[in-house]
Amino acid sequence: MPRVSDLLGAHPLVSMLPAAVRAPLLSNTKENVKGHGAALYMEGLRATGIWIVSIGAVKWRSQRLSSRHSLHPIFSHGSTLGLYEVLTGKSCLCDMITDSLVRCFFIEAEKIDQLRQSDPSVEAFLWQESAAVIAKLLIPRVFERMTMQETRLLVSTGSAMNLYTKGEDIILEHNYIGILLEGTLKAENQNNIVPPGVLLPSSMDLELLGLQSSEMNHMDSCSAANSYQVEAQAARVIIFEVGRLFTEANGQRNQPGGSFSAEALQLSMEESTGEEQVIITVDSTNKLPLGDSSSGVTRGS
């Protein structure tokens, strides 16, 4: 069996953290070996920490998120599970059940809270890491075509993570989709939209996402509207361009350089007037910059 230090050092979440915060985090990591069919956590329960999967596979199932839309509801090695729930304080979104013998590591929620407060760029990295899992849960027919490494790269290079203030309007162009991670939104003739949830423009072709119009009425995690208004506090939304989503996903699997490389990732912080923007980037000539007009989002107030 590989050594603990080797397994943790190879995991993308751990390997990308600055050394100053990585060491104290690892000192509070608990190793676990789970047999097939063991529960890491269950839907509706309070999240007490995160699970780093180093060896094996974990299967998810959920009542609210309609896992029937997923053909392969599996998270393999290299996944970070439960991070979104810890960042938001929400109860667990789904059941996570081992689908094989799994060697994994547990980190208490308190340690993650300390980690996110250590540096704004570290918190930004944690949000991006959590978004990779949420994307697979909310839009499985699209993101399950990609490995976790490919999804992580797409979140890093092919998306924009935006923060909106109370009263702002979010208008998605016809070929862009969003995932609400934090905050509450309001759309015309709809109930309040709470996270996590998929945000679609009203003109979106649902078949691109593996959905049918009849299913929209039965999915409280998916909304379609001409515009969305931030109701309370700040809202955090990650935006994807649909065409690039499919193009990059297919291209990454067909190109030798498409596999994930932790060494290729860089932490960077970009600031613009009136708001702080943070993105984890991979060296790329076609990176989608945050807040740029090409992000497919119009802001209003």
Protein backbone atom coordinates (compact mmCIF):
# COMPACT_ATOMS: atom_id res chain seq x y z
CA MET A 1 0.00 0.00 0.00
CA PRO A 2 1.25 3.52 -0.79
CA ARG A 3 2.43 5.60 2.13
CA VAL A 4 0.05 8.13 3.67
CA SER A 5 2.35 11.03 2.85
CA ASP A 6 2.53 9.98 -0.80
CA LEU A 7 -1.25 9.63 -1.12
CA LEU A 8 -1.98 12.99 0.47
CA GLY A 9 0.78 14.74 -1.44
CA ALA A 10 -0.63 13.49 -4.74
CA HIS A 11 -4.17 14.70 -4.04
CA PRO A 12 -4.97 17.96 -5.89
CA LEU A 13 -6.53 19.67 -2.88
CA VAL A 14 -3.53 19.05 -0.65
CA SER A 15 -0.79 19.52 -3.25
CA MET A 16 -2.02 22.98 -4.25
CA LEU A 17 -2.11 24.44 -0.73
CA PRO A 18 0.76 26.69 0.40
CA ALA A 19 3.23 24.86 2.61
CA ALA A 20 2.47 27.17 5.55
CA VAL A 21 -1.13 25.96 5.78
CA ARG A 22 -0.64 22.46 4.41
CA ALA A 23 1.46 21.13 7.30
CA PRO A 24 -0.98 21.96 10.13
CA LEU A 25 -3.87 20.65 8.04
CA LEU A 26 -2.18 17.30 7.42
CA SER A 27 -1.39 16.92 11.10
CA ASN A 28 -5.15 16.81 11.73
CA THR A 29 -6.00 14.38 8.93
CA LYS A 30 -7.47 11.00 9.86
CA GLU A 31 -6.86 8.01 7.60
CA ASN A 32 -9.76 5.63 6.92
CA VAL A 33 -10.14 2.39 4.95
CA LYS A 34 -13.76 1.67 4.07
CA GLY A 35 -15.18 -1.53 2.64
CA HIS A 36 -17.73 -1.67 -0.16
CA GLY A 37 -21.13 -0.21 0.82
CA ALA A 38 -19.92 1.95 3.72
CA ALA A 39 -21.43 5.44 4.15
CA LEU A 40 -19.12 8.44 4.24
CA TYR A 41 -22.10 10.67 4.97
CA MET A 42 -25.86 10.72 4.42
CA GLU A 43 -28.23 13.22 2.85
CA GLY A 44 -29.74 15.70 5.30
CA LEU A 45 -27.22 15.19 8.09
CA ARG A 46 -24.92 17.94 9.31
CA ALA A 47 -21.54 18.04 7.58
CA THR A 48 -18.79 17.44 10.12
CA GLY A 49 -15.84 17.53 7.71
CA ILE A 50 -14.56 16.63 4.26
CA TRP A 51 -13.42 13.35 2.72
CA ILE A 52 -10.35 13.11 0.50
CA VAL A 53 -10.59 10.00 -1.69
CA SER A 54 -7.16 8.62 -2.57
CA ILE A 55 -7.98 5.07 -3.69
CA GLY A 56 -11.30 3.60 -4.77
CA ALA A 57 -14.70 4.88 -5.90
CA VAL A 58 -17.71 6.42 -4.14
CA LYS A 59 -21.28 6.38 -5.42
CA TRP A 60 -23.75 9.19 -4.75
CA ARG A 61 -27.53 9.13 -4.50
CA SER A 62 -30.02 11.83 -3.59
CA GLN A 63 -33.74 12.45 -3.31
CA ARG A 64 -33.59 16.20 -3.88
CA LEU A 65 -31.02 16.24 -6.68
CA SER A 66 -32.72 13.48 -8.67
CA SER A 67 -29.77 11.15 -9.17
CA ARG A 68 -31.89 9.29 -11.74
CA HIS A 69 -30.58 11.85 -14.24
CA SER A 70 -27.10 10.43 -13.71
CA LEU A 71 -25.93 7.45 -15.75
CA HIS A 72 -22.71 6.94 -13.78
CA PRO A 73 -23.07 8.53 -10.32
CA ILE A 74 -19.48 7.79 -9.30
CA PHE A 75 -16.70 9.87 -7.76
CA SER A 76 -13.32 8.24 -8.19
CA HIS A 77 -9.92 8.75 -6.57
CA GLY A 78 -8.77 12.36 -6.43
CA SER A 79 -12.20 13.63 -5.36
CA THR A 80 -12.88 15.97 -2.45
CA LEU A 81 -16.30 15.22 -0.97
CA GLY A 82 -18.32 17.30 1.50
CA LEU A 83 -16.34 20.50 0.94
CA TYR A 84 -19.29 22.51 -0.37
CA GLU A 85 -21.39 21.61 2.65
CA VAL A 86 -18.58 22.65 5.00
CA LEU A 87 -18.04 25.98 3.22
CA THR A 88 -21.74 26.85 3.30
CA GLY A 89 -22.80 25.21 6.55
CA LYS A 90 -25.53 23.30 4.71
CA SER A 91 -26.56 19.76 5.53
CA CYS A 92 -25.24 17.01 3.27
CA LEU A 93 -26.72 17.19 -0.22
CA CYS A 94 -26.65 13.46 -0.91
CA ASP A 95 -25.61 10.04 0.33
CA MET A 96 -21.99 9.15 -0.38
CA ILE A 97 -21.55 5.36 -0.31
CA THR A 98 -18.34 3.53 -1.14
CA ASP A 99 -18.55 1.52 -4.38
CA SER A 100 -15.32 -0.39 -3.76
CA LEU A 101 -12.65 -0.68 -1.13
CA VAL A 102 -11.77 2.96 -0.45
CA ARG A 103 -8.73 4.48 1.20
CA CYS A 104 -9.60 8.02 2.21
CA PHE A 105 -8.80 10.79 4.67
CA PHE A 106 -11.13 12.83 6.86
CA ILE A 107 -10.53 16.47 7.84
CA GLU A 108 -12.79 18.11 10.41
CA ALA A 109 -14.90 21.11 9.39
CA GLU A 110 -13.20 23.30 11.99
CA LYS A 111 -9.83 22.80 10.27
CA ILE A 112 -11.31 23.73 6.89
CA ASP A 113 -12.78 26.91 8.41
CA GLN A 114 -9.35 27.82 9.73
CA LEU A 115 -7.86 27.07 6.32
CA ARG A 116 -10.28 29.31 4.40
CA GLN A 117 -9.61 32.20 6.78
CA SER A 118 -5.85 31.95 6.29
CA ASP A 119 -5.78 33.69 2.90
CA PRO A 120 -8.34 34.98 0.34
CA SER A 121 -6.67 33.02 -2.47
CA VAL A 122 -6.94 29.80 -0.45
CA GLU A 123 -10.66 30.40 0.10
CA ALA A 124 -11.08 31.01 -3.65
CA PHE A 125 -9.32 27.73 -4.35
CA LEU A 126 -11.64 25.89 -1.94
CA TRP A 127 -14.72 27.31 -3.68
CA GLN A 128 -13.44 26.16 -7.06
CA GLU A 129 -12.64 22.71 -5.68
CA SER A 130 -16.16 22.44 -4.24
CA ALA A 131 -17.73 23.65 -7.50
CA ALA A 132 -16.22 20.71 -9.40
CA VAL A 133 -18.24 18.30 -7.27
CA ILE A 134 -21.42 20.42 -7.30
CA ALA A 135 -21.33 20.59 -11.11
CA LYS A 136 -21.28 16.79 -11.28
CA LEU A 137 -24.20 16.54 -8.86
CA LEU A 138 -26.42 19.19 -10.48
CA ILE A 139 -25.69 18.57 -14.18
CA PRO A 140 -24.62 14.92 -14.25
CA ARG A 141 -25.46 14.22 -17.90
CA VAL A 142 -22.83 16.79 -18.89
CA PHE A 143 -20.14 16.58 -16.24
CA GLU A 144 -20.14 12.83 -15.71
CA ARG A 145 -18.65 12.57 -19.20
CA MET A 146 -15.52 14.07 -17.69
CA THR A 147 -13.19 12.71 -15.08
CA MET A 148 -12.77 14.69 -11.88
CA GLN A 149 -9.43 15.94 -13.21
CA GLU A 150 -11.06 17.23 -16.40
CA THR A 151 -13.89 18.83 -14.45
CA ARG A 152 -11.38 20.52 -12.17
CA LEU A 153 -9.53 21.94 -15.17
CA LEU A 154 -12.75 23.16 -16.75
CA VAL A 155 -13.80 24.91 -13.56
CA SER A 156 -10.37 26.53 -13.38
CA THR A 157 -9.96 27.67 -16.97
CA GLY A 158 -13.40 27.63 -18.62
CA SER A 159 -15.55 29.36 -16.03
CA ALA A 160 -15.98 32.65 -14.19
CA MET A 161 -16.63 32.78 -10.44
CA ASN A 162 -18.55 36.00 -9.76
CA LEU A 163 -19.81 37.70 -6.61
CA TYR A 164 -22.98 39.82 -6.75
CA THR A 165 -24.40 42.22 -4.17
CA LYS A 166 -27.99 42.59 -2.96
CA GLY A 167 -30.26 44.10 -5.59
CA GLU A 168 -28.04 43.27 -8.57
CA ASP A 169 -29.56 41.63 -11.62
CA ILE A 170 -27.87 38.66 -13.28
CA ILE A 171 -28.70 38.24 -16.97
CA LEU A 172 -27.29 35.15 -18.66
CA GLU A 173 -26.73 35.15 -22.41
CA HIS A 174 -28.41 32.37 -24.36
CA ASN A 175 -25.34 30.10 -24.47
CA TYR A 176 -24.26 30.43 -20.83
CA ILE A 177 -25.34 28.62 -17.69
CA GLY A 178 -24.65 29.35 -14.05
CA ILE A 179 -24.53 27.45 -10.79
CA LEU A 180 -25.62 29.34 -7.68
CA LEU A 181 -23.27 28.43 -4.84
CA GLU A 182 -24.16 31.07 -2.25
CA GLY A 183 -26.95 33.58 -1.66
CA THR A 184 -30.63 33.80 -2.60
CA LEU A 185 -32.01 34.86 -5.97
CA LYS A 186 -35.45 35.85 -7.20
CA ALA A 187 -36.81 35.38 -10.71
CA GLU A 188 -40.16 36.43 -12.17
CA ASN A 189 -43.03 34.08 -11.30
CA GLN A 190 -40.74 31.78 -9.30
CA ASN A 191 -40.10 31.09 -5.66
CA ASN A 192 -36.83 32.17 -4.11
CA ILE A 193 -33.92 30.29 -5.66
CA VAL A 194 -31.59 28.86 -3.03
CA PRO A 195 -28.21 27.20 -3.49
CA PRO A 196 -27.02 24.98 -4.86
CA GLY A 197 -28.94 25.41 -8.08
CA VAL A 198 -28.52 25.57 -11.85
CA LEU A 199 -29.35 28.91 -13.48
CA LEU A 200 -30.40 28.82 -17.13
CA PRO A 201 -31.38 31.55 -19.59
CA SER A 202 -35.01 31.18 -20.63
CA SER A 203 -33.92 30.42 -24.21
CA MET A 204 -31.64 27.50 -23.26
CA ASP A 205 -32.01 24.25 -25.20
CA LEU A 206 -32.53 21.84 -22.31
CA GLU A 207 -31.53 18.82 -24.39
CA LEU A 208 -27.94 20.07 -24.29
CA LEU A 209 -27.99 19.36 -20.57
CA GLY A 210 -29.73 16.02 -20.89
CA LEU A 211 -33.05 17.47 -19.67
CA GLN A 212 -36.56 17.80 -21.03
CA SER A 213 -38.90 20.74 -20.49
CA SER A 214 -41.37 18.53 -18.61
CA GLU A 215 -38.69 17.76 -16.02
CA MET A 216 -38.12 21.40 -15.10
CA ASN A 217 -41.32 21.48 -13.03
CA HIS A 218 -40.03 18.64 -10.86
CA MET A 219 -36.48 19.90 -10.25
CA ASP A 220 -36.09 22.49 -7.51
CA SER A 221 -32.36 22.63 -8.24
CA CYS A 222 -32.79 24.03 -11.76
CA SER A 223 -34.30 27.37 -12.83
CA ALA A 224 -34.77 29.15 -16.16
CA ALA A 225 -35.43 32.90 -16.41
CA ASN A 226 -34.59 36.01 -18.39
CA SER A 227 -32.89 37.53 -15.35
CA TYR A 228 -32.20 36.82 -11.70
CA GLN A 229 -32.05 39.35 -8.88
CA VAL A 230 -29.98 38.95 -5.73
CA GLU A 231 -32.38 38.95 -2.78
CA ALA A 232 -30.22 38.94 0.32
CA GLN A 233 -26.55 39.22 1.20
CA ALA A 234 -24.07 38.44 -1.56
CA ALA A 235 -24.50 35.76 -4.19
CA ARG A 236 -21.71 33.59 -5.56
CA VAL A 237 -22.30 32.17 -9.04
CA ILE A 238 -20.00 30.19 -11.31
CA ILE A 239 -20.64 30.71 -15.03
CA PHE A 240 -19.95 28.27 -17.88
CA GLU A 241 -20.15 28.84 -21.63
CA VAL A 242 -22.04 25.83 -22.93
CA GLY A 243 -20.20 25.41 -26.23
CA ARG A 244 -16.80 25.63 -24.56
CA LEU A 245 -17.95 23.21 -21.88
CA PHE A 246 -18.51 20.46 -24.46
CA THR A 247 -15.57 21.41 -26.66
CA GLU A 248 -13.01 21.43 -23.87
CA ALA A 249 -14.38 18.27 -22.29
CA ASN A 250 -14.02 16.33 -25.53
CA GLY A 251 -10.69 17.93 -26.37
CA GLN A 252 -9.13 17.13 -22.98
CA ARG A 253 -9.85 13.43 -23.41
CA ASN A 254 -8.31 13.40 -26.89
CA GLN A 255 -5.18 15.42 -26.16
CA PRO A 256 -2.11 13.99 -24.38
CA GLY A 257 -1.80 17.17 -22.34
CA GLY A 258 -5.40 17.06 -21.17
CA SER A 259 -4.84 15.18 -17.95
CA PHE A 260 -4.69 17.09 -14.70
CA SER A 261 -1.33 18.29 -13.48
CA ALA A 262 -1.19 19.89 -10.07
CA GLU A 263 2.12 21.49 -10.98
CA ALA A 264 0.44 23.36 -13.85
CA LEU A 265 -2.02 25.13 -11.57
CA GLN A 266 -1.29 28.61 -10.32
CA LEU A 267 -3.04 30.65 -7.66
CA SER A 268 -3.78 34.15 -8.82
CA MET A 269 -5.92 37.03 -7.68
CA GLU A 270 -7.38 39.61 -10.01
CA GLU A 271 -9.05 42.78 -8.79
CA SER A 272 -11.31 45.20 -10.63
CA THR A 273 -13.16 48.30 -9.58
CA GLY A 274 -15.89 47.62 -7.07
CA GLU A 275 -15.36 43.91 -6.56
CA GLU A 276 -12.71 41.35 -5.77
CA GLN A 277 -12.28 38.56 -8.27
CA VAL A 278 -10.36 35.38 -7.60
CA ILE A 279 -9.61 32.53 -9.95
CA ILE A 280 -7.37 29.49 -9.91
CA THR A 281 -5.80 29.40 -13.36
CA VAL A 282 -3.94 27.02 -15.59
CA ASP A 283 -1.43 28.43 -18.08
CA SER A 284 -3.64 28.90 -21.13
CA THR A 285 -3.86 31.35 -24.00
CA ASN A 286 -7.65 31.18 -24.11
CA LYS A 287 -8.42 31.58 -20.41
CA LEU A 288 -11.84 33.10 -19.71
CA PRO A 289 -11.13 36.11 -17.47
CA LEU A 290 -13.43 36.91 -14.60
CA GLY A 291 -15.62 39.95 -15.05
CA ASP A 292 -14.79 40.20 -18.76
CA SER A 293 -17.60 40.93 -21.19
CA SER A 294 -17.07 37.48 -22.69
CA SER A 295 -18.24 35.85 -19.47
CA GLY A 296 -21.81 35.77 -20.79
CA VAL A 297 -23.26 37.76 -17.89
CA THR A 298 -24.82 41.21 -17.82
CA ARG A 299 -25.01 42.99 -14.48
CA GLY A 300 -27.83 45.34 -13.55
CA SER A 301 -29.18 47.08 -10.49
